Amino acid sequence: MANSPQAKKRARQNETRFQVNKARRSRIRTFLRKVEESISSGNKDEAATALREAQPELMRGVTKGILHKNTVARKMSRLAARVKAIS
């Protein structure tokens, strides 16, 4: 348990950041799920639109420190390839 005033404040700040980051992560996952669902449905236009909407959210996750830059690059690359492969 935190004893010093500084440690108590850090514990409060950590809890706040945890809640904010949790909400951001959930939002990113929602956008990714929309892309996945449109890919599985086979609708190329819908999938491309969903991917375009998801990309800024993913990059925002990088700038906010939730996801690593290379992780997001890999995810976007694989999703783009899957959208492109829809015939």
Protein backbone atom coordinates (compact mmCIF):
# COMPACT_ATOMS: atom_id res chain seq x y z
CA MET A 1 0.00 0.00 0.00
CA ALA A 2 1.20 3.51 -0.80
CA ASN A 3 2.42 5.40 2.27
CA SER A 4 3.97 8.66 1.08
CA PRO A 5 1.79 11.41 -0.38
CA GLN A 6 3.66 11.10 -3.68
CA ALA A 7 3.00 7.36 -3.86
CA LYS A 8 -0.68 7.92 -3.07
CA LYS A 9 -0.94 10.48 -5.86
CA ARG A 10 0.82 8.14 -8.31
CA ALA A 11 -1.65 5.39 -7.39
CA ARG A 12 -4.56 7.75 -8.16
CA GLN A 13 -2.98 8.82 -11.45
CA ASN A 14 -2.31 5.20 -12.43
CA GLU A 15 -5.95 4.29 -11.87
CA THR A 16 -7.12 7.23 -13.99
CA ARG A 17 -4.71 6.39 -16.82
CA PHE A 18 -5.76 2.74 -16.64
CA GLN A 19 -9.43 3.69 -17.17
CA VAL A 20 -8.61 6.03 -20.09
CA ASN A 21 -6.34 3.50 -21.76
CA LYS A 22 -8.91 0.74 -21.25
CA ALA A 23 -11.54 2.85 -23.04
CA ARG A 24 -9.14 3.61 -25.91
CA ARG A 25 -8.16 -0.05 -26.28
CA SER A 26 -11.84 -1.04 -26.35
CA ARG A 27 -12.56 1.59 -29.03
CA ILE A 28 -9.69 0.30 -31.17
CA ARG A 29 -10.90 -3.30 -30.82
CA THR A 30 -14.39 -2.22 -31.88
CA PHE A 31 -13.05 -0.68 -35.09
CA LEU A 32 -10.97 -3.81 -35.77
CA ARG A 33 -14.01 -6.02 -35.19
CA LYS A 34 -15.99 -3.99 -37.74
CA VAL A 35 -13.25 -4.59 -40.31
CA GLU A 36 -13.14 -8.31 -39.50
CA GLU A 37 -16.92 -8.65 -39.80
CA SER A 38 -17.05 -6.87 -43.15
CA ILE A 39 -14.19 -9.03 -44.47
CA SER A 40 -15.99 -12.21 -43.40
CA SER A 41 -19.21 -11.02 -45.02
CA GLY A 42 -17.33 -10.64 -48.32
CA ASN A 43 -18.39 -7.06 -49.01
CA LYS A 44 -15.24 -5.40 -50.41
CA ASP A 45 -16.55 -1.81 -50.40
CA GLU A 46 -17.76 -2.09 -46.83
CA ALA A 47 -14.48 -3.69 -45.74
CA ALA A 48 -12.41 -0.97 -47.41
CA THR A 49 -14.50 1.74 -45.73
CA ALA A 50 -14.17 0.05 -42.34
CA LEU A 51 -10.40 -0.24 -42.81
CA ARG A 52 -10.10 3.46 -43.70
CA GLU A 53 -12.03 4.33 -40.53
CA ALA A 54 -9.91 1.99 -38.38
CA GLN A 55 -6.51 3.27 -39.50
CA PRO A 56 -6.61 6.64 -37.70
CA GLU A 57 -7.83 4.93 -34.53
CA LEU A 58 -4.93 2.49 -34.66
CA MET A 59 -2.41 5.27 -35.23
CA ARG A 60 -3.95 7.24 -32.36
CA GLY A 61 -3.29 4.22 -30.18
CA VAL A 62 0.38 4.47 -31.14
CA THR A 63 0.65 8.17 -30.30
CA LYS A 64 -1.10 7.62 -26.96
CA GLY A 65 1.27 4.77 -26.08
CA ILE A 66 -1.30 1.98 -25.98
CA LEU A 67 0.09 -0.01 -28.91
CA HIS A 68 3.55 -0.32 -30.42
CA LYS A 69 4.15 1.27 -33.82
CA ASN A 70 5.26 -1.98 -35.47
CA THR A 71 2.29 -3.89 -34.06
CA VAL A 72 -0.10 -1.41 -35.66
CA ALA A 73 1.84 -1.44 -38.94
CA ARG A 74 1.62 -5.24 -39.02
CA LYS A 75 -2.11 -5.24 -38.24
CA MET A 76 -2.90 -2.64 -40.91
CA SER A 77 -0.77 -4.43 -43.49
CA ARG A 78 -2.46 -7.78 -42.89
CA LEU A 79 -5.94 -6.28 -42.86
CA ALA A 80 -5.26 -4.35 -46.08
CA ALA A 81 -4.04 -7.53 -47.75
CA ARG A 82 -7.17 -9.40 -46.66
CA VAL A 83 -9.45 -6.61 -47.90
CA LYS A 84 -7.61 -6.55 -51.21
CA ALA A 85 -7.97 -10.34 -51.55
CA ILE A 86 -11.78 -10.17 -51.41
CA SER A 87 -13.04 -10.94 -54.90
